[in-house]
Amino acid sequence: MIYEMRTYQVQPGKAGEFLKMYEVSGLPIISQYARLIGCWVKESGVLNSAVFIWAYDDFAHRTSQRVLLMQDPDWSAFIPKMLPYLVHQESVFMNPATFSPAK
């Protein structure tokens, strides 16, 4: 199992609006290609940020699923709705330690 932590920094004051739009319009699409482990709003560090953790079988699975996602016309229509909110985004890949409850 591999986990992808995607952090989206959004325009100040727009985090709630962004998350609602993502929940309604984006989540039903991307959930066909990745398993959402959780979503958090940062209260320290870089503010106005939402952190999503997605699970994949391995990096090859993530790569193939992202190819399929990028070919999905519904996702292509969603991206222009998301972009105006974004200031910065970051993607980090994490492998669980042998003793991690999440494997």
PDB file of N, CA and C in Angstrom:
ATOM      1  N   MET A   1       0.853  -1.176   0.000  1.00  0.00           N
ATOM      2  CA  MET A   1       0.000   0.000   0.000  1.00  0.00           C
ATOM      3  C   MET A   1       0.891   1.230   0.000  1.00  0.00           C
ATOM      4  N   ILE A   2       0.470   2.228  -0.765  1.00  0.00           N
ATOM      5  CA  ILE A   2       1.154   3.528  -0.772  1.00  0.00           C
ATOM      6  C   ILE A   2       0.093   4.594  -0.524  1.00  0.00           C
ATOM      7  N   TYR A   3       0.493   5.633   0.178  1.00  0.00           N
ATOM      8  CA  TYR A   3      -0.418   6.735   0.483  1.00  0.00           C
ATOM      9  C   TYR A   3       0.106   8.006  -0.175  1.00  0.00           C
ATOM     10  N   GLU A   4      -0.810   8.766  -0.710  1.00  0.00           N
ATOM     11  CA  GLU A   4      -0.468  10.067  -1.288  1.00  0.00           C
ATOM     12  C   GLU A   4      -1.120  11.141  -0.435  1.00  0.00           C
ATOM     13  N   MET A   5      -0.308  12.038   0.087  1.00  0.00           N
ATOM     14  CA  MET A   5      -0.814  13.172   0.848  1.00  0.00           C
ATOM     15  C   MET A   5      -0.801  14.378  -0.089  1.00  0.00           C
ATOM     16  N   ARG A   6      -1.991  14.847  -0.432  1.00  0.00           N
ATOM     17  CA  ARG A   6      -2.115  16.012  -1.312  1.00  0.00           C
ATOM     18  C   ARG A   6      -2.593  17.188  -0.468  1.00  0.00           C
ATOM     19  N   THR A   7      -1.807  18.249  -0.495  1.00  0.00           N
ATOM     20  CA  THR A   7      -2.142  19.455   0.258  1.00  0.00           C
ATOM     21  C   THR A   7      -2.484  20.555  -0.726  1.00  0.00           C
ATOM     22  N   TYR A   8      -3.640  21.148  -0.515  1.00  0.00           N
ATOM     23  CA  TYR A   8      -4.107  22.253  -1.345  1.00  0.00           C
ATOM     24  C   TYR A   8      -4.180  23.500  -0.480  1.00  0.00           C
ATOM     25  N   GLN A   9      -3.376  24.502  -0.809  1.00  0.00           N
ATOM     26  CA  GLN A   9      -3.505  25.800  -0.175  1.00  0.00           C
ATOM     27  C   GLN A   9      -4.467  26.599  -1.032  1.00  0.00           C
ATOM     28  N   VAL A  10      -5.498  27.163  -0.398  1.00  0.00           N
ATOM     29  CA  VAL A  10      -6.527  27.877  -1.149  1.00  0.00           C
ATOM     30  C   VAL A  10      -6.516  29.356  -0.786  1.00  0.00           C
ATOM     31  N   GLN A  11      -7.232  30.121  -1.571  1.00  0.00           N
ATOM     32  CA  GLN A  11      -7.340  31.553  -1.329  1.00  0.00           C
ATOM     33  C   GLN A  11      -7.838  31.794   0.102  1.00  0.00           C
ATOM     34  N   PRO A  12      -7.283  32.785   0.815  1.00  0.00           N
ATOM     35  CA  PRO A  12      -7.728  33.064   2.182  1.00  0.00           C
ATOM     36  C   PRO A  12      -9.243  33.253   2.257  1.00  0.00           C
ATOM     37  N   GLY A  13      -9.828  32.615   3.242  1.00  0.00           N
ATOM     38  CA  GLY A  13     -11.267  32.720   3.459  1.00  0.00           C
ATOM     39  C   GLY A  13     -12.105  31.817   2.571  1.00  0.00           C
ATOM     40  N   LYS A  14     -11.473  31.012   1.719  1.00  0.00           N
ATOM     41  CA  LYS A  14     -12.206  30.191   0.758  1.00  0.00           C
ATOM     42  C   LYS A  14     -12.169  28.694   1.073  1.00  0.00           C
ATOM     43  N   ALA A  15     -11.548  28.292   2.197  1.00  0.00           N
ATOM     44  CA  ALA A  15     -11.388  26.866   2.493  1.00  0.00           C
ATOM     45  C   ALA A  15     -12.738  26.153   2.592  1.00  0.00           C
ATOM     46  N   GLY A  16     -13.681  26.723   3.303  1.00  0.00           N
ATOM     47  CA  GLY A  16     -14.994  26.092   3.453  1.00  0.00           C
ATOM     48  C   GLY A  16     -15.707  25.941   2.125  1.00  0.00           C
ATOM     49  N   GLU A  17     -15.666  26.979   1.331  1.00  0.00           N
ATOM     50  CA  GLU A  17     -16.285  26.961   0.003  1.00  0.00           C
ATOM     51  C   GLU A  17     -15.603  25.922  -0.901  1.00  0.00           C
ATOM     52  N   PHE A  18     -14.264  25.888  -0.859  1.00  0.00           N
ATOM     53  CA  PHE A  18     -13.508  24.920  -1.651  1.00  0.00           C
ATOM     54  C   PHE A  18     -13.877  23.487  -1.258  1.00  0.00           C
ATOM     55  N   LEU A  19     -13.896  23.212   0.045  1.00  0.00           N
ATOM     56  CA  LEU A  19     -14.190  21.856   0.502  1.00  0.00           C
ATOM     57  C   LEU A  19     -15.607  21.423   0.131  1.00  0.00           C
ATOM     58  N   LYS A  20     -16.561  22.311   0.229  1.00  0.00           N
ATOM     59  CA  LYS A  20     -17.937  21.977  -0.150  1.00  0.00           C
ATOM     60  C   LYS A  20     -18.015  21.673  -1.644  1.00  0.00           C
ATOM     61  N   MET A  21     -17.384  22.515  -2.459  1.00  0.00           N
ATOM     62  CA  MET A  21     -17.378  22.306  -3.905  1.00  0.00           C
ATOM     63  C   MET A  21     -16.699  20.984  -4.235  1.00  0.00           C
ATOM     64  N   TYR A  22     -15.577  20.685  -3.569  1.00  0.00           N
ATOM     65  CA  TYR A  22     -14.841  19.444  -3.805  1.00  0.00           C
ATOM     66  C   TYR A  22     -15.677  18.232  -3.398  1.00  0.00           C
ATOM     67  N   GLU A  23     -16.318  18.332  -2.238  1.00  0.00           N
ATOM     68  CA  GLU A  23     -17.152  17.227  -1.746  1.00  0.00           C
ATOM     69  C   GLU A  23     -18.287  16.906  -2.719  1.00  0.00           C
ATOM     70  N   VAL A  24     -18.947  17.932  -3.213  1.00  0.00           N
ATOM     71  CA  VAL A  24     -20.112  17.747  -4.082  1.00  0.00           C
ATOM     72  C   VAL A  24     -19.711  17.375  -5.504  1.00  0.00           C
ATOM     73  N   SER A  25     -18.715  18.061  -6.049  1.00  0.00           N
ATOM     74  CA  SER A  25     -18.402  17.908  -7.473  1.00  0.00           C
ATOM     75  C   SER A  25     -17.193  17.030  -7.775  1.00  0.00           C
ATOM     76  N   GLY A  26     -16.162  17.061  -6.929  1.00  0.00           N
ATOM     77  CA  GLY A  26     -14.929  16.337  -7.238  1.00  0.00           C
ATOM     78  C   GLY A  26     -14.833  14.959  -6.619  1.00  0.00           C
ATOM     79  N   LEU A  27     -15.252  14.840  -5.374  1.00  0.00           N
ATOM     80  CA  LEU A  27     -15.110  13.584  -4.649  1.00  0.00           C
ATOM     81  C   LEU A  27     -15.812  12.404  -5.319  1.00  0.00           C
ATOM     82  N   PRO A  28     -17.028  12.577  -5.834  1.00  0.00           N
ATOM     83  CA  PRO A  28     -17.666  11.440  -6.504  1.00  0.00           C
ATOM     84  C   PRO A  28     -16.879  10.932  -7.725  1.00  0.00           C
ATOM     85  N   ILE A  29     -16.133  11.812  -8.354  1.00  0.00           N
ATOM     86  CA  ILE A  29     -15.359  11.421  -9.541  1.00  0.00           C
ATOM     87  C   ILE A  29     -14.071  10.727  -9.119  1.00  0.00           C
ATOM     88  N   ILE A  30     -13.255  11.404  -8.314  1.00  0.00           N
ATOM     89  CA  ILE A  30     -11.943  10.857  -7.965  1.00  0.00           C
ATOM     90  C   ILE A  30     -12.059   9.581  -7.130  1.00  0.00           C
ATOM     91  N   SER A  31     -13.157   9.430  -6.399  1.00  0.00           N
ATOM     92  CA  SER A  31     -13.340   8.228  -5.583  1.00  0.00           C
ATOM     93  C   SER A  31     -13.490   6.965  -6.426  1.00  0.00           C
ATOM     94  N   GLN A  32     -13.715   7.115  -7.703  1.00  0.00           N
ATOM     95  CA  GLN A  32     -13.756   5.965  -8.601  1.00  0.00           C
ATOM     96  C   GLN A  32     -12.347   5.443  -8.888  1.00  0.00           C
ATOM     97  N   TYR A  33     -11.329   6.252  -8.597  1.00  0.00           N
ATOM     98  CA  TYR A  33      -9.949   5.938  -8.969  1.00  0.00           C
ATOM     99  C   TYR A  33      -9.000   5.817  -7.776  1.00  0.00           C
ATOM    100  N   ALA A  34      -9.380   6.317  -6.618  1.00  0.00           N
ATOM    101  CA  ALA A  34      -8.530   6.281  -5.430  1.00  0.00           C
ATOM    102  C   ALA A  34      -9.414   6.159  -4.193  1.00  0.00           C
ATOM    103  N   ARG A  35      -8.840   5.629  -3.128  1.00  0.00           N
ATOM    104  CA  ARG A  35      -9.589   5.468  -1.874  1.00  0.00           C
ATOM    105  C   ARG A  35      -9.184   6.582  -0.914  1.00  0.00           C
ATOM    106  N   LEU A  36     -10.158   7.383  -0.519  1.00  0.00           N
ATOM    107  CA  LEU A  36      -9.898   8.474   0.411  1.00  0.00           C
ATOM    108  C   LEU A  36      -9.755   7.918   1.827  1.00  0.00           C
ATOM    109  N   ILE A  37      -8.610   8.194   2.440  1.00  0.00           N
ATOM    110  CA  ILE A  37      -8.366   7.800   3.826  1.00  0.00           C
ATOM    111  C   ILE A  37      -8.894   8.874   4.766  1.00  0.00           C
ATOM    112  N   GLY A  38      -8.721  10.133   4.382  1.00  0.00           N
ATOM    113  CA  GLY A  38      -9.205  11.224   5.212  1.00  0.00           C
ATOM    114  C   GLY A  38      -8.907  12.570   4.593  1.00  0.00           C
ATOM    115  N   CYS A  39      -9.546  13.583   5.144  1.00  0.00           N
ATOM    116  CA  CYS A  39      -9.341  14.962   4.706  1.00  0.00           C
ATOM    117  C   CYS A  39      -9.327  15.827   5.962  1.00  0.00           C
ATOM    118  N   TRP A  40      -8.351  16.721   6.027  1.00  0.00           N
ATOM    119  CA  TRP A  40      -8.175  17.578   7.186  1.00  0.00           C
ATOM    120  C   TRP A  40      -7.994  19.021   6.741  1.00  0.00           C
ATOM    121  N   VAL A  41      -8.345  19.949   7.621  1.00  0.00           N
ATOM    122  CA  VAL A  41      -8.077  21.371   7.421  1.00  0.00           C
ATOM    123  C   VAL A  41      -6.965  21.746   8.393  1.00  0.00           C
ATOM    124  N   LYS A  42      -5.916  22.380   7.895  1.00  0.00           N
ATOM    125  CA  LYS A  42      -4.776  22.726   8.748  1.00  0.00           C
ATOM    126  C   LYS A  42      -5.120  23.905   9.660  1.00  0.00           C
ATOM    127  N   GLU A  43      -4.759  23.760  10.925  1.00  0.00           N
ATOM    128  CA  GLU A  43      -4.967  24.807  11.919  1.00  0.00           C
ATOM    129  C   GLU A  43      -3.645  25.458  12.322  1.00  0.00           C
ATOM    130  N   SER A  44      -2.538  24.958  11.776  1.00  0.00           N
ATOM    131  CA  SER A  44      -1.227  25.549  12.035  1.00  0.00           C
ATOM    132  C   SER A  44      -0.377  25.327  10.786  1.00  0.00           C
ATOM    133  N   GLY A  45       0.792  25.927  10.778  1.00  0.00           N
ATOM    134  CA  GLY A  45       1.639  25.830   9.590  1.00  0.00           C
ATOM    135  C   GLY A  45       1.076  26.723   8.497  1.00  0.00           C
ATOM    136  N   VAL A  46       1.087  26.229   7.273  1.00  0.00           N
ATOM    137  CA  VAL A  46       0.527  26.985   6.156  1.00  0.00           C
ATOM    138  C   VAL A  46      -0.996  26.920   6.257  1.00  0.00           C
ATOM    139  N   LEU A  47      -1.594  28.044   6.592  1.00  0.00           N
ATOM    140  CA  LEU A  47      -3.044  28.092   6.803  1.00  0.00           C
ATOM    141  C   LEU A  47      -3.789  28.118   5.476  1.00  0.00           C
ATOM    142  N   ASN A  48      -5.119  28.052   5.565  1.00  0.00           N
ATOM    143  CA  ASN A  48      -5.975  28.010   4.379  1.00  0.00           C
ATOM    144  C   ASN A  48      -5.620  26.793   3.521  1.00  0.00           C
ATOM    145  N   SER A  49      -5.332  25.676   4.195  1.00  0.00           N
ATOM    146  CA  SER A  49      -4.911  24.468   3.494  1.00  0.00           C
ATOM    147  C   SER A  49      -5.772  23.282   3.896  1.00  0.00           C
ATOM    148  N   ALA A  50      -6.039  22.432   2.913  1.00  0.00           N
ATOM    149  CA  ALA A  50      -6.727  21.168   3.128  1.00  0.00           C
ATOM    150  C   ALA A  50      -5.783  20.053   2.734  1.00  0.00           C
ATOM    151  N   VAL A  51      -5.768  19.005   3.535  1.00  0.00           N
ATOM    152  CA  VAL A  51      -4.882  17.867   3.304  1.00  0.00           C
ATOM    153  C   VAL A  51      -5.753  16.629   3.068  1.00  0.00           C
ATOM    154  N   PHE A  52      -5.523  15.986   1.938  1.00  0.00           N
ATOM    155  CA  PHE A  52      -6.210  14.744   1.586  1.00  0.00           C
ATOM    156  C   PHE A  52      -5.190  13.620   1.610  1.00  0.00           C
ATOM    157  N   ILE A  53      -5.558  12.476   2.138  1.00  0.00           N
ATOM    158  CA  ILE A  53      -4.709  11.290   2.016  1.00  0.00           C
ATOM    159  C   ILE A  53      -5.491  10.250   1.229  1.00  0.00           C
ATOM    160  N   TRP A  54      -4.855   9.814   0.130  1.00  0.00           N
ATOM    161  CA  TRP A  54      -5.428   8.822  -0.787  1.00  0.00           C
ATOM    162  C   TRP A  54      -4.594   7.552  -0.723  1.00  0.00           C
ATOM    163  N   ALA A  55      -5.240   6.402  -0.846  1.00  0.00           N
ATOM    164  CA  ALA A  55      -4.547   5.115  -0.800  1.00  0.00           C
ATOM    165  C   ALA A  55      -4.586   4.437  -2.162  1.00  0.00           C
ATOM    166  N   TYR A  56      -3.476   3.799  -2.479  1.00  0.00           N
ATOM    167  CA  TYR A  56      -3.333   3.002  -3.705  1.00  0.00           C
ATOM    168  C   TYR A  56      -2.614   1.708  -3.341  1.00  0.00           C
ATOM    169  N   ASP A  57      -2.769   0.694  -4.162  1.00  0.00           N
ATOM    170  CA  ASP A  57      -2.098  -0.583  -3.916  1.00  0.00           C
ATOM    171  C   ASP A  57      -0.584  -0.411  -3.901  1.00  0.00           C
ATOM    172  N   ASP A  58      -0.070   0.350  -4.851  1.00  0.00           N
ATOM    173  CA  ASP A  58       1.352   0.630  -4.977  1.00  0.00           C
ATOM    174  C   ASP A  58       1.502   1.800  -5.940  1.00  0.00           C
ATOM    175  N   PHE A  59       2.738   2.214  -6.201  1.00  0.00           N
ATOM    176  CA  PHE A  59       2.944   3.387  -7.054  1.00  0.00           C
ATOM    177  C   PHE A  59       2.464   3.141  -8.483  1.00  0.00           C
ATOM    178  N   ALA A  60       2.643   1.906  -8.986  1.00  0.00           N
ATOM    179  CA  ALA A  60       2.169   1.585 -10.338  1.00  0.00           C
ATOM    180  C   ALA A  60       0.647   1.708 -10.413  1.00  0.00           C
ATOM    181  N   HIS A  61      -0.048   1.275  -9.363  1.00  0.00           N
ATOM    182  CA  HIS A  61      -1.508   1.412  -9.310  1.00  0.00           C
ATOM    183  C   HIS A  61      -1.899   2.886  -9.309  1.00  0.00           C
ATOM    184  N   ARG A  62      -1.189   3.687  -8.526  1.00  0.00           N
ATOM    185  CA  ARG A  62      -1.475   5.125  -8.486  1.00  0.00           C
ATOM    186  C   ARG A  62      -1.295   5.726  -9.872  1.00  0.00           C
ATOM    187  N   THR A  63      -0.205   5.365 -10.543  1.00  0.00           N
ATOM    188  CA  THR A  63       0.081   5.896 -11.872  1.00  0.00           C
ATOM    189  C   THR A  63      -1.021   5.523 -12.852  1.00  0.00           C
ATOM    190  N   SER A  64      -1.424   4.279 -12.871  1.00  0.00           N
ATOM    191  CA  SER A  64      -2.471   3.839 -13.809  1.00  0.00           C
ATOM    192  C   SER A  64      -3.816   4.485 -13.485  1.00  0.00           C
ATOM    193  N   GLN A  65      -4.119   4.635 -12.213  1.00  0.00           N
ATOM    194  CA  GLN A  65      -5.389   5.266 -11.823  1.00  0.00           C
ATOM    195  C   GLN A  65      -5.413   6.745 -12.190  1.00  0.00           C
ATOM    196  N   ARG A  66      -4.285   7.422 -12.044  1.00  0.00           N
ATOM    197  CA  ARG A  66      -4.223   8.840 -12.416  1.00  0.00           C
ATOM    198  C   ARG A  66      -4.374   9.018 -13.922  1.00  0.00           C
ATOM    199  N   VAL A  67      -3.831   8.082 -14.713  1.00  0.00           N
ATOM    200  CA  VAL A  67      -4.020   8.132 -16.168  1.00  0.00           C
ATOM    201  C   VAL A  67      -5.510   8.034 -16.482  1.00  0.00           C
ATOM    202  N   LEU A  68      -6.190   7.092 -15.844  1.00  0.00           N
ATOM    203  CA  LEU A  68      -7.634   6.939 -16.071  1.00  0.00           C
ATOM    204  C   LEU A  68      -8.399   8.182 -15.621  1.00  0.00           C
ATOM    205  N   LEU A  69      -8.027   8.729 -14.469  1.00  0.00           N
ATOM    206  CA  LEU A  69      -8.683   9.934 -13.961  1.00  0.00           C
ATOM    207  C   LEU A  69      -8.537  11.089 -14.946  1.00  0.00           C
ATOM    208  N   MET A  70      -7.349  11.271 -15.479  1.00  0.00           N
ATOM    209  CA  MET A  70      -7.102  12.371 -16.412  1.00  0.00           C
ATOM    210  C   MET A  70      -7.855  12.189 -17.734  1.00  0.00           C
ATOM    211  N   GLN A  71      -8.268  10.975 -18.042  1.00  0.00           N
ATOM    212  CA  GLN A  71      -9.049  10.706 -19.253  1.00  0.00           C
ATOM    213  C   GLN A  71     -10.556  10.814 -19.006  1.00  0.00           C
ATOM    214  N   ASP A  72     -10.942  10.954 -17.750  1.00  0.00           N
ATOM    215  CA  ASP A  72     -12.365  11.031 -17.393  1.00  0.00           C
ATOM    216  C   ASP A  72     -12.895  12.424 -17.749  1.00  0.00           C
ATOM    217  N   PRO A  73     -13.892  12.514 -18.631  1.00  0.00           N
ATOM    218  CA  PRO A  73     -14.400  13.835 -19.024  1.00  0.00           C
ATOM    219  C   PRO A  73     -15.035  14.604 -17.869  1.00  0.00           C
ATOM    220  N   ASP A  74     -15.588  13.893 -16.893  1.00  0.00           N
ATOM    221  CA  ASP A  74     -16.158  14.591 -15.733  1.00  0.00           C
ATOM    222  C   ASP A  74     -15.064  15.264 -14.914  1.00  0.00           C
ATOM    223  N   TRP A  75     -13.901  14.600 -14.770  1.00  0.00           N
ATOM    224  CA  TRP A  75     -12.772  15.201 -14.045  1.00  0.00           C
ATOM    225  C   TRP A  75     -12.229  16.391 -14.821  1.00  0.00           C
ATOM    226  N   SER A  76     -12.139  16.247 -16.134  1.00  0.00           N
ATOM    227  CA  SER A  76     -11.663  17.362 -16.971  1.00  0.00           C
ATOM    228  C   SER A  76     -12.576  18.574 -16.836  1.00  0.00           C
ATOM    229  N   ALA A  77     -13.866  18.341 -16.667  1.00  0.00           N
ATOM    230  CA  ALA A  77     -14.815  19.443 -16.470  1.00  0.00           C
ATOM    231  C   ALA A  77     -14.722  20.017 -15.060  1.00  0.00           C
ATOM    232  N   PHE A  78     -14.311  19.192 -14.095  1.00  0.00           N
ATOM    233  CA  PHE A  78     -14.197  19.639 -12.702  1.00  0.00           C
ATOM    234  C   PHE A  78     -12.974  20.526 -12.477  1.00  0.00           C
ATOM    235  N   ILE A  79     -11.867  20.223 -13.111  1.00  0.00           N
ATOM    236  CA  ILE A  79     -10.607  20.940 -12.871  1.00  0.00           C
ATOM    237  C   ILE A  79     -10.753  22.453 -13.002  1.00  0.00           C
ATOM    238  N   PRO A  80     -11.412  22.982 -14.042  1.00  0.00           N
ATOM    239  CA  PRO A  80     -11.557  24.448 -14.116  1.00  0.00           C
ATOM    240  C   PRO A  80     -12.359  25.044 -12.953  1.00  0.00           C
ATOM    241  N   LYS A  81     -13.201  24.243 -12.302  1.00  0.00           N
ATOM    242  CA  LYS A  81     -13.939  24.722 -11.125  1.00  0.00           C
ATOM    243  C   LYS A  81     -13.025  24.821  -9.908  1.00  0.00           C
ATOM    244  N   MET A  82     -12.016  23.949  -9.859  1.00  0.00           N
ATOM    245  CA  MET A  82     -11.124  23.897  -8.710  1.00  0.00           C
ATOM    246  C   MET A  82      -9.996  24.926  -8.793  1.00  0.00           C
ATOM    247  N   LEU A  83      -9.476  25.144  -9.975  1.00  0.00           N
ATOM    248  CA  LEU A  83      -8.287  25.979 -10.141  1.00  0.00           C
ATOM    249  C   LEU A  83      -8.382  27.388  -9.553  1.00  0.00           C
ATOM    250  N   PRO A  84      -9.518  28.093  -9.668  1.00  0.00           N
ATOM    251  CA  PRO A  84      -9.562  29.453  -9.104  1.00  0.00           C
ATOM    252  C   PRO A  84      -9.344  29.519  -7.591  1.00  0.00           C
ATOM    253  N   TYR A  85      -9.573  28.416  -6.892  1.00  0.00           N
ATOM    254  CA  TYR A  85      -9.377  28.393  -5.442  1.00  0.00           C
ATOM    255  C   TYR A  85      -7.914  28.231  -5.046  1.00  0.00           C
ATOM    256  N   LEU A  86      -7.111  27.620  -5.908  1.00  0.00           N
ATOM    257  CA  LEU A  86      -5.773  27.172  -5.520  1.00  0.00           C
ATOM    258  C   LEU A  86      -4.720  28.270  -5.534  1.00  0.00           C
ATOM    259  N   VAL A  87      -3.901  28.259  -4.494  1.00  0.00           N
ATOM    260  CA  VAL A  87      -2.714  29.090  -4.409  1.00  0.00           C
ATOM    261  C   VAL A  87      -1.495  28.207  -4.667  1.00  0.00           C
ATOM    262  N   HIS A  88      -1.523  27.009  -4.087  1.00  0.00           N
ATOM    263  CA  HIS A  88      -0.393  26.077  -4.174  1.00  0.00           C
ATOM    264  C   HIS A  88      -0.911  24.667  -3.909  1.00  0.00           C
ATOM    265  N   GLN A  89      -0.274  23.685  -4.521  1.00  0.00           N
ATOM    266  CA  GLN A  89      -0.592  22.308  -4.183  1.00  0.00           C
ATOM    267  C   GLN A  89       0.689  21.503  -4.092  1.00  0.00           C
ATOM    268  N   GLU A  90       0.643  20.465  -3.269  1.00  0.00           N
ATOM    269  CA  GLU A  90       1.810  19.621  -3.035  1.00  0.00           C
ATOM    270  C   GLU A  90       1.348  18.181  -2.934  1.00  0.00           C
ATOM    271  N   SER A  91       2.153  17.275  -3.458  1.00  0.00           N
ATOM    272  CA  SER A  91       1.859  15.853  -3.405  1.00  0.00           C
ATOM    273  C   SER A  91       3.067  15.134  -2.814  1.00  0.00           C
ATOM    274  N   VAL A  92       2.835  14.341  -1.762  1.00  0.00           N
ATOM    275  CA  VAL A  92       3.889  13.594  -1.080  1.00  0.00           C
ATOM    276  C   VAL A  92       3.453  12.139  -1.013  1.00  0.00           C
ATOM    277  N   PHE A  93       4.371  11.226  -1.332  1.00  0.00           N
ATOM    278  CA  PHE A  93       4.068   9.796  -1.269  1.00  0.00           C
ATOM    279  C   PHE A  93       4.683   9.203  -0.017  1.00  0.00           C
ATOM    280  N   MET A  94       3.898   8.339   0.648  1.00  0.00           N
ATOM    281  CA  MET A  94       4.334   7.762   1.918  1.00  0.00           C
ATOM    282  C   MET A  94       4.095   6.257   1.893  1.00  0.00           C
ATOM    283  N   ASN A  95       5.101   5.513   2.349  1.00  0.00           N
ATOM    284  CA  ASN A  95       4.969   4.080   2.532  1.00  0.00           C
ATOM    285  C   ASN A  95       4.831   3.812   4.024  1.00  0.00           C
ATOM    286  N   PRO A  96       3.881   2.962   4.433  1.00  0.00           N
ATOM    287  CA  PRO A  96       3.713   2.702   5.860  1.00  0.00           C
ATOM    288  C   PRO A  96       4.893   1.915   6.443  1.00  0.00           C
ATOM    289  N   ALA A  97       5.271   2.253   7.668  1.00  0.00           N
ATOM    290  CA  ALA A  97       6.264   1.480   8.400  1.00  0.00           C
ATOM    291  C   ALA A  97       5.665   0.117   8.752  1.00  0.00           C
ATOM    292  N   THR A  98       6.501  -0.856   9.021  1.00  0.00           N
ATOM    293  CA  THR A  98       6.017  -2.209   9.287  1.00  0.00           C
ATOM    294  C   THR A  98       5.035  -2.272  10.440  1.00  0.00           C
ATOM    295  N   PHE A  99       5.147  -1.382  11.431  1.00  0.00           N
ATOM    296  CA  PHE A  99       4.269  -1.401  12.598  1.00  0.00           C
ATOM    297  C   PHE A  99       3.068  -0.456  12.467  1.00  0.00           C
ATOM    298  N   SER A 100       2.936   0.207  11.334  1.00  0.00           N
ATOM    299  CA  SER A 100       1.853   1.181  11.154  1.00  0.00           C
ATOM    300  C   SER A 100       0.493   0.484  11.119  1.00  0.00           C
ATOM    301  N   PRO A 101      -0.501   1.019  11.834  1.00  0.00           N
ATOM    302  CA  PRO A 101      -1.846   0.442  11.753  1.00  0.00           C
ATOM    303  C   PRO A 101      -2.425   0.550  10.335  1.00  0.00           C
ATOM    304  N   ALA A 102      -2.036   1.575   9.617  1.00  0.00           N
ATOM    305  CA  ALA A 102      -2.481   1.742   8.225  1.00  0.00           C
ATOM    306  C   ALA A 102      -1.425   1.087   7.336  1.00  0.00           C
ATOM    307  N   LYS A 103      -1.823   0.052   6.653  1.00  0.00           N
ATOM    308  CA  LYS A 103      -0.849  -0.658   5.794  1.00  0.00           C
ATOM    309  C   LYS A 103      -1.296  -0.651   4.376  1.00  0.00           C
TER     310      LYS A 103
END
